[in-house]
Amino acid sequence: MSLPDGTQADKFAAIRRWGIGLEIANLRDIQIDVYKSAQIPITAVQAYQMHDFHPLHRNAEHRHQAKIHVEHTLELAAQLNAPRIVTVCGFGHDRMALRKAETLIN
């Protein structure tokens, strides 16, 4: 969370006091019960692993993993009553291909 220092409870209290919502990143380790019991609005869930997956990749397994991550993010958003998810179609270059190219160059 990009909120002032303090405990998680302090941060949740600040969110309630300021009347703001929270956008959280799906890093596959979201503790749903913690957010539900905090009684704060979740405005969006980010399909954060789209930094690594690409739904238009030439490799079918890579495309499949992107689809699974977006579906998982949609499910999390539904469980958290978040009205939207944030995703992109890919972050430009394939990171794995770039790493391979760097290895070949070096």
PDB file of N, CA and C in Angstrom:
ATOM      1  N   MET A   1       0.833  -1.177   0.000  1.00  0.00           N
ATOM      2  CA  MET A   1       0.000   0.000   0.000  1.00  0.00           C
ATOM      3  C   MET A   1       0.880   1.243   0.000  1.00  0.00           C
ATOM      4  N   SER A   2       0.494   2.208  -0.763  1.00  0.00           N
ATOM      5  CA  SER A   2       1.182   3.493  -0.778  1.00  0.00           C
ATOM      6  C   SER A   2       0.455   4.457   0.154  1.00  0.00           C
ATOM      7  N   LEU A   3       0.570   4.181   1.414  1.00  0.00           N
ATOM      8  CA  LEU A   3      -0.087   4.988   2.442  1.00  0.00           C
ATOM      9  C   LEU A   3       0.951   5.337   3.507  1.00  0.00           C
ATOM     10  N   PRO A   4       0.627   6.259   4.403  1.00  0.00           N
ATOM     11  CA  PRO A   4       1.585   6.617   5.455  1.00  0.00           C
ATOM     12  C   PRO A   4       2.047   5.390   6.247  1.00  0.00           C
ATOM     13  N   ASP A   5       3.206   5.533   6.854  1.00  0.00           N
ATOM     14  CA  ASP A   5       3.731   4.458   7.689  1.00  0.00           C
ATOM     15  C   ASP A   5       2.750   4.112   8.797  1.00  0.00           C
ATOM     16  N   GLY A   6       2.853   2.903   9.272  1.00  0.00           N
ATOM     17  CA  GLY A   6       2.006   2.451  10.366  1.00  0.00           C
ATOM     18  C   GLY A   6       1.597   1.010  10.123  1.00  0.00           C
ATOM     19  N   THR A   7       0.796   0.519  11.015  1.00  0.00           N
ATOM     20  CA  THR A   7       0.320  -0.850  10.883  1.00  0.00           C
ATOM     21  C   THR A   7      -0.726  -0.924   9.776  1.00  0.00           C
ATOM     22  N   GLN A   8      -1.053  -2.125   9.378  1.00  0.00           N
ATOM     23  CA  GLN A   8      -2.103  -2.309   8.386  1.00  0.00           C
ATOM     24  C   GLN A   8      -3.422  -1.730   8.891  1.00  0.00           C
ATOM     25  N   ALA A   9      -3.702  -1.920  10.181  1.00  0.00           N
ATOM     26  CA  ALA A   9      -4.924  -1.371  10.780  1.00  0.00           C
ATOM     27  C   ALA A   9      -4.920   0.160  10.699  1.00  0.00           C
ATOM     28  N   ASP A  10      -3.758   0.789  10.929  1.00  0.00           N
ATOM     29  CA  ASP A  10      -3.641   2.247  10.817  1.00  0.00           C
ATOM     30  C   ASP A  10      -3.928   2.701   9.386  1.00  0.00           C
ATOM     31  N   LYS A  11      -3.414   1.956   8.438  1.00  0.00           N
ATOM     32  CA  LYS A  11      -3.609   2.302   7.022  1.00  0.00           C
ATOM     33  C   LYS A  11      -5.084   2.158   6.631  1.00  0.00           C
ATOM     34  N   PHE A  12      -5.705   1.087   7.077  1.00  0.00           N
ATOM     35  CA  PHE A  12      -7.129   0.902   6.788  1.00  0.00           C
ATOM     36  C   PHE A  12      -7.967   2.001   7.441  1.00  0.00           C
ATOM     37  N   ALA A  13      -7.600   2.391   8.658  1.00  0.00           N
ATOM     38  CA  ALA A  13      -8.318   3.468   9.341  1.00  0.00           C
ATOM     39  C   ALA A  13      -8.173   4.781   8.563  1.00  0.00           C
ATOM     40  N   ALA A  14      -6.984   5.035   8.030  1.00  0.00           N
ATOM     41  CA  ALA A  14      -6.766   6.255   7.240  1.00  0.00           C
ATOM     42  C   ALA A  14      -7.623   6.240   5.977  1.00  0.00           C
ATOM     43  N   ILE A  15      -7.736   5.092   5.338  1.00  0.00           N
ATOM     44  CA  ILE A  15      -8.564   4.967   4.133  1.00  0.00           C
ATOM     45  C   ILE A  15     -10.016   5.303   4.472  1.00  0.00           C
ATOM     46  N   ARG A  16     -10.507   4.764   5.573  1.00  0.00           N
ATOM     47  CA  ARG A  16     -11.884   5.052   5.985  1.00  0.00           C
ATOM     48  C   ARG A  16     -12.049   6.538   6.350  1.00  0.00           C
ATOM     49  N   ARG A  17     -11.088   7.079   7.072  1.00  0.00           N
ATOM     50  CA  ARG A  17     -11.152   8.483   7.510  1.00  0.00           C
ATOM     51  C   ARG A  17     -11.137   9.432   6.305  1.00  0.00           C
ATOM     52  N   TRP A  18     -10.314   9.131   5.306  1.00  0.00           N
ATOM     53  CA  TRP A  18     -10.181   9.993   4.131  1.00  0.00           C
ATOM     54  C   TRP A  18     -11.281   9.746   3.101  1.00  0.00           C
ATOM     55  N   GLY A  19     -12.030   8.653   3.280  1.00  0.00           N
ATOM     56  CA  GLY A  19     -13.114   8.357   2.351  1.00  0.00           C
ATOM     57  C   GLY A  19     -12.626   7.978   0.958  1.00  0.00           C
ATOM     58  N   ILE A  20     -11.504   7.279   0.910  1.00  0.00           N
ATOM     59  CA  ILE A  20     -10.963   6.870  -0.388  1.00  0.00           C
ATOM     60  C   ILE A  20     -11.095   5.361  -0.553  1.00  0.00           C
ATOM     61  N   GLY A  21     -10.898   4.896  -1.757  1.00  0.00           N
ATOM     62  CA  GLY A  21     -10.895   3.467  -2.036  1.00  0.00           C
ATOM     63  C   GLY A  21      -9.473   2.998  -2.250  1.00  0.00           C
ATOM     64  N   LEU A  22      -9.319   1.710  -2.360  1.00  0.00           N
ATOM     65  CA  LEU A  22      -7.999   1.106  -2.503  1.00  0.00           C
ATOM     66  C   LEU A  22      -7.945   0.279  -3.778  1.00  0.00           C
ATOM     67  N   GLU A  23      -6.885   0.461  -4.537  1.00  0.00           N
ATOM     68  CA  GLU A  23      -6.613  -0.394  -5.700  1.00  0.00           C
ATOM     69  C   GLU A  23      -5.511  -1.345  -5.271  1.00  0.00           C
ATOM     70  N   ILE A  24      -5.756  -2.633  -5.424  1.00  0.00           N
ATOM     71  CA  ILE A  24      -4.766  -3.616  -4.984  1.00  0.00           C
ATOM     72  C   ILE A  24      -4.261  -4.427  -6.172  1.00  0.00           C
ATOM     73  N   ALA A  25      -3.040  -4.909  -6.055  1.00  0.00           N
ATOM     74  CA  ALA A  25      -2.409  -5.684  -7.123  1.00  0.00           C
ATOM     75  C   ALA A  25      -2.565  -7.174  -6.856  1.00  0.00           C
ATOM     76  N   ASN A  26      -2.995  -7.912  -7.871  1.00  0.00           N
ATOM     77  CA  ASN A  26      -3.091  -9.363  -7.759  1.00  0.00           C
ATOM     78  C   ASN A  26      -1.706  -9.951  -7.986  1.00  0.00           C
ATOM     79  N   LEU A  27      -1.033 -10.209  -6.891  1.00  0.00           N
ATOM     80  CA  LEU A  27       0.274 -10.863  -6.936  1.00  0.00           C
ATOM     81  C   LEU A  27       0.158 -12.324  -6.505  1.00  0.00           C
ATOM     82  N   ARG A  28      -1.085 -12.822  -6.533  1.00  0.00           N
ATOM     83  CA  ARG A  28      -1.410 -14.205  -6.172  1.00  0.00           C
ATOM     84  C   ARG A  28      -1.336 -14.474  -4.670  1.00  0.00           C
ATOM     85  N   ASP A  29      -1.175 -13.428  -3.865  1.00  0.00           N
ATOM     86  CA  ASP A  29      -1.080 -13.647  -2.422  1.00  0.00           C
ATOM     87  C   ASP A  29      -2.048 -12.751  -1.645  1.00  0.00           C
ATOM     88  N   ILE A  30      -3.119 -12.346  -2.294  1.00  0.00           N
ATOM     89  CA  ILE A  30      -4.085 -11.453  -1.661  1.00  0.00           C
ATOM     90  C   ILE A  30      -4.847 -12.199  -0.564  1.00  0.00           C
ATOM     91  N   GLN A  31      -4.895 -11.586   0.604  1.00  0.00           N
ATOM     92  CA  GLN A  31      -5.626 -12.160   1.730  1.00  0.00           C
ATOM     93  C   GLN A  31      -7.036 -11.562   1.721  1.00  0.00           C
ATOM     94  N   ILE A  32      -7.932 -12.237   1.037  1.00  0.00           N
ATOM     95  CA  ILE A  32      -9.287 -11.734   0.823  1.00  0.00           C
ATOM     96  C   ILE A  32      -9.979 -11.402   2.137  1.00  0.00           C
ATOM     97  N   ASP A  33      -9.881 -12.268   3.114  1.00  0.00           N
ATOM     98  CA  ASP A  33     -10.574 -12.050   4.395  1.00  0.00           C
ATOM     99  C   ASP A  33     -10.101 -10.774   5.087  1.00  0.00           C
ATOM    100  N   VAL A  34      -8.824 -10.459   4.953  1.00  0.00           N
ATOM    101  CA  VAL A  34      -8.284  -9.243   5.573  1.00  0.00           C
ATOM    102  C   VAL A  34      -8.955  -8.008   4.980  1.00  0.00           C
ATOM    103  N   TYR A  35      -9.068  -7.979   3.651  1.00  0.00           N
ATOM    104  CA  TYR A  35      -9.679  -6.821   2.996  1.00  0.00           C
ATOM    105  C   TYR A  35     -11.187  -6.747   3.267  1.00  0.00           C
ATOM    106  N   LYS A  36     -11.842  -7.900   3.289  1.00  0.00           N
ATOM    107  CA  LYS A  36     -13.286  -7.900   3.571  1.00  0.00           C
ATOM    108  C   LYS A  36     -13.572  -7.405   4.984  1.00  0.00           C
ATOM    109  N   SER A  37     -12.797  -7.856   5.946  1.00  0.00           N
ATOM    110  CA  SER A  37     -13.044  -7.458   7.333  1.00  0.00           C
ATOM    111  C   SER A  37     -12.627  -6.011   7.599  1.00  0.00           C
ATOM    112  N   ALA A  38     -11.806  -5.438   6.737  1.00  0.00           N
ATOM    113  CA  ALA A  38     -11.349  -4.055   6.919  1.00  0.00           C
ATOM    114  C   ALA A  38     -12.449  -3.046   6.633  1.00  0.00           C
ATOM    115  N   GLN A  39     -13.469  -3.478   5.932  1.00  0.00           N
ATOM    116  CA  GLN A  39     -14.603  -2.614   5.589  1.00  0.00           C
ATOM    117  C   GLN A  39     -14.154  -1.330   4.889  1.00  0.00           C
ATOM    118  N   ILE A  40     -13.324  -1.513   3.873  1.00  0.00           N
ATOM    119  CA  ILE A  40     -12.887  -0.403   3.031  1.00  0.00           C
ATOM    120  C   ILE A  40     -13.260  -0.734   1.592  1.00  0.00           C
ATOM    121  N   PRO A  41     -13.535   0.282   0.780  1.00  0.00           N
ATOM    122  CA  PRO A  41     -13.874   0.000  -0.615  1.00  0.00           C
ATOM    123  C   PRO A  41     -12.628  -0.365  -1.428  1.00  0.00           C
ATOM    124  N   ILE A  42     -12.728  -1.451  -2.158  1.00  0.00           N
ATOM    125  CA  ILE A  42     -11.689  -1.830  -3.113  1.00  0.00           C
ATOM    126  C   ILE A  42     -12.195  -1.334  -4.467  1.00  0.00           C
ATOM    127  N   THR A  43     -11.515  -0.355  -5.039  1.00  0.00           N
ATOM    128  CA  THR A  43     -11.989   0.255  -6.275  1.00  0.00           C
ATOM    129  C   THR A  43     -11.566  -0.523  -7.512  1.00  0.00           C
ATOM    130  N   ALA A  44     -10.456  -1.258  -7.415  1.00  0.00           N
ATOM    131  CA  ALA A  44      -9.984  -2.043  -8.557  1.00  0.00           C
ATOM    132  C   ALA A  44      -8.965  -3.073  -8.089  1.00  0.00           C
ATOM    133  N   VAL A  45      -8.862  -4.145  -8.865  1.00  0.00           N
ATOM    134  CA  VAL A  45      -7.828  -5.155  -8.648  1.00  0.00           C
ATOM    135  C   VAL A  45      -6.980  -5.178  -9.918  1.00  0.00           C
ATOM    136  N   GLN A  46      -5.691  -4.987  -9.759  1.00  0.00           N
ATOM    137  CA  GLN A  46      -4.778  -4.991 -10.897  1.00  0.00           C
ATOM    138  C   GLN A  46      -4.400  -6.418 -11.271  1.00  0.00           C
ATOM    139  N   ALA A  47      -4.454  -6.719 -12.567  1.00  0.00           N
ATOM    140  CA  ALA A  47      -3.923  -7.994 -13.074  1.00  0.00           C
ATOM    141  C   ALA A  47      -2.414  -7.791 -13.238  1.00  0.00           C
ATOM    142  N   TYR A  48      -1.735  -7.707 -12.119  1.00  0.00           N
ATOM    143  CA  TYR A  48      -0.349  -7.249 -12.074  1.00  0.00           C
ATOM    144  C   TYR A  48       0.621  -8.150 -12.824  1.00  0.00           C
ATOM    145  N   GLN A  49       0.343  -9.443 -12.878  1.00  0.00           N
ATOM    146  CA  GLN A  49       1.275 -10.357 -13.542  1.00  0.00           C
ATOM    147  C   GLN A  49       1.267 -10.211 -15.059  1.00  0.00           C
ATOM    148  N   MET A  50       0.432  -9.322 -15.580  1.00  0.00           N
ATOM    149  CA  MET A  50       0.483  -9.046 -17.011  1.00  0.00           C
ATOM    150  C   MET A  50       1.787  -8.350 -17.370  1.00  0.00           C
ATOM    151  N   HIS A  51       2.574  -7.960 -16.351  1.00  0.00           N
ATOM    152  CA  HIS A  51       3.928  -7.479 -16.607  1.00  0.00           C
ATOM    153  C   HIS A  51       4.788  -8.622 -17.156  1.00  0.00           C
ATOM    154  N   ASP A  52       4.428  -9.846 -16.817  1.00  0.00           N
ATOM    155  CA  ASP A  52       5.213 -11.012 -17.225  1.00  0.00           C
ATOM    156  C   ASP A  52       4.543 -11.856 -18.299  1.00  0.00           C
ATOM    157  N   PHE A  53       3.226 -11.821 -18.348  1.00  0.00           N
ATOM    158  CA  PHE A  53       2.489 -12.615 -19.337  1.00  0.00           C
ATOM    159  C   PHE A  53       2.033 -11.718 -20.478  1.00  0.00           C
ATOM    160  N   HIS A  54       1.808 -12.300 -21.615  1.00  0.00           N
ATOM    161  CA  HIS A  54       1.376 -11.517 -22.769  1.00  0.00           C
ATOM    162  C   HIS A  54       0.339 -12.320 -23.543  1.00  0.00           C
ATOM    163  N   PRO A  55      -0.915 -11.846 -23.587  1.00  0.00           N
ATOM    164  CA  PRO A  55      -1.986 -12.614 -24.223  1.00  0.00           C
ATOM    165  C   PRO A  55      -1.877 -12.711 -25.743  1.00  0.00           C
ATOM    166  N   LEU A  56      -0.976 -11.955 -26.338  1.00  0.00           N
ATOM    167  CA  LEU A  56      -0.780 -12.026 -27.790  1.00  0.00           C
ATOM    168  C   LEU A  56       0.555 -12.680 -28.154  1.00  0.00           C
ATOM    169  N   HIS A  57       1.171 -13.327 -27.184  1.00  0.00           N
ATOM    170  CA  HIS A  57       2.470 -13.976 -27.400  1.00  0.00           C
ATOM    171  C   HIS A  57       2.350 -15.098 -28.423  1.00  0.00           C
ATOM    172  N   ARG A  58       3.399 -15.348 -29.159  1.00  0.00           N
ATOM    173  CA  ARG A  58       3.363 -16.408 -30.175  1.00  0.00           C
ATOM    174  C   ARG A  58       3.310 -17.815 -29.558  1.00  0.00           C
ATOM    175  N   ASN A  59       3.725 -17.927 -28.291  1.00  0.00           N
ATOM    176  CA  ASN A  59       3.702 -19.214 -27.603  1.00  0.00           C
ATOM    177  C   ASN A  59       2.339 -19.421 -26.938  1.00  0.00           C
ATOM    178  N   ALA A  60       1.681 -20.528 -27.270  1.00  0.00           N
ATOM    179  CA  ALA A  60       0.326 -20.798 -26.769  1.00  0.00           C
ATOM    180  C   ALA A  60       0.273 -20.887 -25.244  1.00  0.00           C
ATOM    181  N   GLU A  61       1.268 -21.477 -24.615  1.00  0.00           N
ATOM    182  CA  GLU A  61       1.272 -21.593 -23.152  1.00  0.00           C
ATOM    183  C   GLU A  61       1.380 -20.213 -22.500  1.00  0.00           C
ATOM    184  N   HIS A  62       2.184 -19.356 -23.077  1.00  0.00           N
ATOM    185  CA  HIS A  62       2.327 -17.992 -22.571  1.00  0.00           C
ATOM    186  C   HIS A  62       0.975 -17.268 -22.647  1.00  0.00           C
ATOM    187  N   ARG A  63       0.280 -17.406 -23.765  1.00  0.00           N
ATOM    188  CA  ARG A  63      -1.048 -16.801 -23.919  1.00  0.00           C
ATOM    189  C   ARG A  63      -2.017 -17.372 -22.889  1.00  0.00           C
ATOM    190  N   HIS A  64      -1.941 -18.673 -22.692  1.00  0.00           N
ATOM    191  CA  HIS A  64      -2.831 -19.347 -21.744  1.00  0.00           C
ATOM    192  C   HIS A  64      -2.607 -18.815 -20.317  1.00  0.00           C
ATOM    193  N   GLN A  65      -1.362 -18.646 -19.902  1.00  0.00           N
ATOM    194  CA  GLN A  65      -1.066 -18.132 -18.555  1.00  0.00           C
ATOM    195  C   GLN A  65      -1.606 -16.717 -18.370  1.00  0.00           C
ATOM    196  N   ALA A  66      -1.538 -15.909 -19.434  1.00  0.00           N
ATOM    197  CA  ALA A  66      -2.098 -14.551 -19.367  1.00  0.00           C
ATOM    198  C   ALA A  66      -3.603 -14.619 -19.137  1.00  0.00           C
ATOM    199  N   LYS A  67      -4.268 -15.489 -19.871  1.00  0.00           N
ATOM    200  CA  LYS A  67      -5.722 -15.637 -19.741  1.00  0.00           C
ATOM    201  C   LYS A  67      -6.092 -16.106 -18.331  1.00  0.00           C
ATOM    202  N   ILE A  68      -5.372 -17.074 -17.811  1.00  0.00           N
ATOM    203  CA  ILE A  68      -5.635 -17.583 -16.462  1.00  0.00           C
ATOM    204  C   ILE A  68      -5.480 -16.465 -15.433  1.00  0.00           C
ATOM    205  N   HIS A  69      -4.444 -15.649 -15.581  1.00  0.00           N
ATOM    206  CA  HIS A  69      -4.219 -14.574 -14.611  1.00  0.00           C
ATOM    207  C   HIS A  69      -5.359 -13.554 -14.645  1.00  0.00           C
ATOM    208  N   VAL A  70      -5.815 -13.189 -15.837  1.00  0.00           N
ATOM    209  CA  VAL A  70      -6.925 -12.235 -15.939  1.00  0.00           C
ATOM    210  C   VAL A  70      -8.194 -12.845 -15.336  1.00  0.00           C
ATOM    211  N   GLU A  71      -8.447 -14.121 -15.616  1.00  0.00           N
ATOM    212  CA  GLU A  71      -9.625 -14.779 -15.041  1.00  0.00           C
ATOM    213  C   GLU A  71      -9.546 -14.809 -13.518  1.00  0.00           C
ATOM    214  N   HIS A  72      -8.367 -15.099 -12.974  1.00  0.00           N
ATOM    215  CA  HIS A  72      -8.178 -15.115 -11.523  1.00  0.00           C
ATOM    216  C   HIS A  72      -8.411 -13.717 -10.943  1.00  0.00           C
ATOM    217  N   THR A  73      -7.935 -12.700 -11.640  1.00  0.00           N
ATOM    218  CA  THR A  73      -8.124 -11.325 -11.190  1.00  0.00           C
ATOM    219  C   THR A  73      -9.603 -10.941 -11.208  1.00  0.00           C
ATOM    220  N   LEU A  74     -10.321 -11.367 -12.235  1.00  0.00           N
ATOM    221  CA  LEU A  74     -11.767 -11.120 -12.287  1.00  0.00           C
ATOM    222  C   LEU A  74     -12.472 -11.777 -11.102  1.00  0.00           C
ATOM    223  N   GLU A  75     -12.073 -12.997 -10.776  1.00  0.00           N
ATOM    224  CA  GLU A  75     -12.672 -13.703  -9.648  1.00  0.00           C
ATOM    225  C   GLU A  75     -12.377 -12.982  -8.330  1.00  0.00           C
ATOM    226  N   LEU A  76     -11.137 -12.536  -8.154  1.00  0.00           N
ATOM    227  CA  LEU A  76     -10.786 -11.785  -6.943  1.00  0.00           C
ATOM    228  C   LEU A  76     -11.617 -10.508  -6.839  1.00  0.00           C
ATOM    229  N   ALA A  77     -11.747  -9.793  -7.949  1.00  0.00           N
ATOM    230  CA  ALA A  77     -12.531  -8.565  -7.950  1.00  0.00           C
ATOM    231  C   ALA A  77     -13.971  -8.848  -7.534  1.00  0.00           C
ATOM    232  N   ALA A  78     -14.529  -9.932  -8.035  1.00  0.00           N
ATOM    233  CA  ALA A  78     -15.901 -10.299  -7.665  1.00  0.00           C
ATOM    234  C   ALA A  78     -15.999 -10.600  -6.168  1.00  0.00           C
ATOM    235  N   GLN A  79     -15.035 -11.339  -5.640  1.00  0.00           N
ATOM    236  CA  GLN A  79     -15.051 -11.685  -4.221  1.00  0.00           C
ATOM    237  C   GLN A  79     -14.899 -10.461  -3.328  1.00  0.00           C
ATOM    238  N   LEU A  80     -14.176  -9.451  -3.830  1.00  0.00           N
ATOM    239  CA  LEU A  80     -13.933  -8.238  -3.048  1.00  0.00           C
ATOM    240  C   LEU A  80     -14.925  -7.122  -3.361  1.00  0.00           C
ATOM    241  N   ASN A  81     -15.898  -7.426  -4.218  1.00  0.00           N
ATOM    242  CA  ASN A  81     -16.879  -6.423  -4.654  1.00  0.00           C
ATOM    243  C   ASN A  81     -16.227  -5.212  -5.306  1.00  0.00           C
ATOM    244  N   ALA A  82     -15.093  -5.448  -5.968  1.00  0.00           N
ATOM    245  CA  ALA A  82     -14.420  -4.369  -6.702  1.00  0.00           C
ATOM    246  C   ALA A  82     -15.120  -4.207  -8.049  1.00  0.00           C
ATOM    247  N   PRO A  83     -15.444  -2.986  -8.436  1.00  0.00           N
ATOM    248  CA  PRO A  83     -16.202  -2.784  -9.665  1.00  0.00           C
ATOM    249  C   PRO A  83     -15.392  -2.927 -10.947  1.00  0.00           C
ATOM    250  N   ARG A  84     -14.071  -3.047 -10.835  1.00  0.00           N
ATOM    251  CA  ARG A  84     -13.262  -3.138 -12.062  1.00  0.00           C
ATOM    252  C   ARG A  84     -11.928  -3.828 -11.792  1.00  0.00           C
ATOM    253  N   ILE A  85     -11.322  -4.284 -12.901  1.00  0.00           N
ATOM    254  CA  ILE A  85      -9.933  -4.733 -12.841  1.00  0.00           C
ATOM    255  C   ILE A  85      -9.131  -3.823 -13.755  1.00  0.00           C
ATOM    256  N   VAL A  86      -7.829  -3.791 -13.527  1.00  0.00           N
ATOM    257  CA  VAL A  86      -6.913  -3.021 -14.358  1.00  0.00           C
ATOM    258  C   VAL A  86      -5.970  -4.018 -15.019  1.00  0.00           C
ATOM    259  N   THR A  87      -5.931  -3.987 -16.336  1.00  0.00           N
ATOM    260  CA  THR A  87      -5.033  -4.873 -17.064  1.00  0.00           C
ATOM    261  C   THR A  87      -4.605  -4.202 -18.355  1.00  0.00           C
ATOM    262  N   VAL A  88      -3.603  -4.762 -18.965  1.00  0.00           N
ATOM    263  CA  VAL A  88      -3.138  -4.310 -20.270  1.00  0.00           C
ATOM    264  C   VAL A  88      -2.938  -5.542 -21.133  1.00  0.00           C
ATOM    265  N   CYS A  89      -2.792  -5.326 -22.403  1.00  0.00           N
ATOM    266  CA  CYS A  89      -2.636  -6.447 -23.321  1.00  0.00           C
ATOM    267  C   CYS A  89      -1.202  -6.951 -23.353  1.00  0.00           C
ATOM    268  N   GLY A  90      -0.346  -6.396 -22.583  1.00  0.00           N
ATOM    269  CA  GLY A  90       1.055  -6.792 -22.525  1.00  0.00           C
ATOM    270  C   GLY A  90       1.915  -5.555 -22.416  1.00  0.00           C
ATOM    271  N   PHE A  91       3.075  -5.706 -21.868  1.00  0.00           N
ATOM    272  CA  PHE A  91       3.965  -4.573 -21.661  1.00  0.00           C
ATOM    273  C   PHE A  91       5.062  -4.535 -22.713  1.00  0.00           C
ATOM    274  N   GLY A  92       4.670  -4.542 -23.969  1.00  0.00           N
ATOM    275  CA  GLY A  92       5.655  -4.374 -25.034  1.00  0.00           C
ATOM    276  C   GLY A  92       6.473  -5.618 -25.269  1.00  0.00           C
ATOM    277  N   HIS A  93       7.703  -5.589 -24.848  1.00  0.00           N
ATOM    278  CA  HIS A  93       8.628  -6.668 -25.140  1.00  0.00           C
ATOM    279  C   HIS A  93       8.400  -7.883 -24.252  1.00  0.00           C
ATOM    280  N   ASP A  94       8.667  -9.029 -24.805  1.00  0.00           N
ATOM    281  CA  ASP A  94       8.613 -10.274 -24.047  1.00  0.00           C
ATOM    282  C   ASP A  94       9.857 -10.322 -23.162  1.00  0.00           C
ATOM    283  N   ARG A  95       9.686 -10.298 -21.856  1.00  0.00           N
ATOM    284  CA  ARG A  95      10.824 -10.266 -20.938  1.00  0.00           C
ATOM    285  C   ARG A  95      11.735 -11.475 -21.109  1.00  0.00           C
ATOM    286  N   MET A  96      11.138 -12.634 -21.343  1.00  0.00           N
ATOM    287  CA  MET A  96      11.963 -13.837 -21.504  1.00  0.00           C
ATOM    288  C   MET A  96      12.827 -13.720 -22.763  1.00  0.00           C
ATOM    289  N   ALA A  97      12.256 -13.210 -23.834  1.00  0.00           N
ATOM    290  CA  ALA A  97      13.015 -13.042 -25.067  1.00  0.00           C
ATOM    291  C   ALA A  97      14.141 -12.018 -24.867  1.00  0.00           C
ATOM    292  N   LEU A  98      13.847 -10.949 -24.124  1.00  0.00           N
ATOM    293  CA  LEU A  98      14.871  -9.951 -23.862  1.00  0.00           C
ATOM    294  C   LEU A  98      16.024 -10.534 -23.038  1.00  0.00           C
ATOM    295  N   ARG A  99      15.699 -11.346 -22.050  1.00  0.00           N
ATOM    296  CA  ARG A  99      16.749 -11.971 -21.226  1.00  0.00           C
ATOM    297  C   ARG A  99      17.614 -12.894 -22.081  1.00  0.00           C
ATOM    298  N   LYS A 100      16.975 -13.642 -22.960  1.00  0.00           N
ATOM    299  CA  LYS A 100      17.710 -14.543 -23.840  1.00  0.00           C
ATOM    300  C   LYS A 100      18.625 -13.751 -24.770  1.00  0.00           C
ATOM    301  N   ALA A 101      18.112 -12.652 -25.315  1.00  0.00           N
ATOM    302  CA  ALA A 101      18.905 -11.815 -26.201  1.00  0.00           C
ATOM    303  C   ALA A 101      20.083 -11.211 -25.466  1.00  0.00           C
ATOM    304  N   GLU A 102      19.858 -10.762 -24.219  1.00  0.00           N
ATOM    305  CA  GLU A 102      20.948 -10.194 -23.425  1.00  0.00           C
ATOM    306  C   GLU A 102      22.011 -11.236 -23.147  1.00  0.00           C
ATOM    307  N   THR A 103      21.594 -12.467 -22.906  1.00  0.00           N
ATOM    308  CA  THR A 103      22.542 -13.546 -22.657  1.00  0.00           C
ATOM    309  C   THR A 103      23.394 -13.797 -23.907  1.00  0.00           C
ATOM    310  N   LEU A 104      22.777 -13.779 -25.068  1.00  0.00           N
ATOM    311  CA  LEU A 104      23.503 -14.003 -26.307  1.00  0.00           C
ATOM    312  C   LEU A 104      24.482 -12.876 -26.605  1.00  0.00           C
ATOM    313  N   ILE A 105      24.104 -11.654 -26.256  1.00  0.00           N
ATOM    314  CA  ILE A 105      24.965 -10.501 -26.522  1.00  0.00           C
ATOM    315  C   ILE A 105      26.144 -10.486 -25.574  1.00  0.00           C
ATOM    316  N   ASN A 106      25.895 -10.819 -24.312  1.00  0.00           N
ATOM    317  CA  ASN A 106      26.959 -10.774 -23.306  1.00  0.00           C
ATOM    318  C   ASN A 106      27.693 -12.057 -23.365  1.00  0.00           C
TER     319      ASN A 106
END
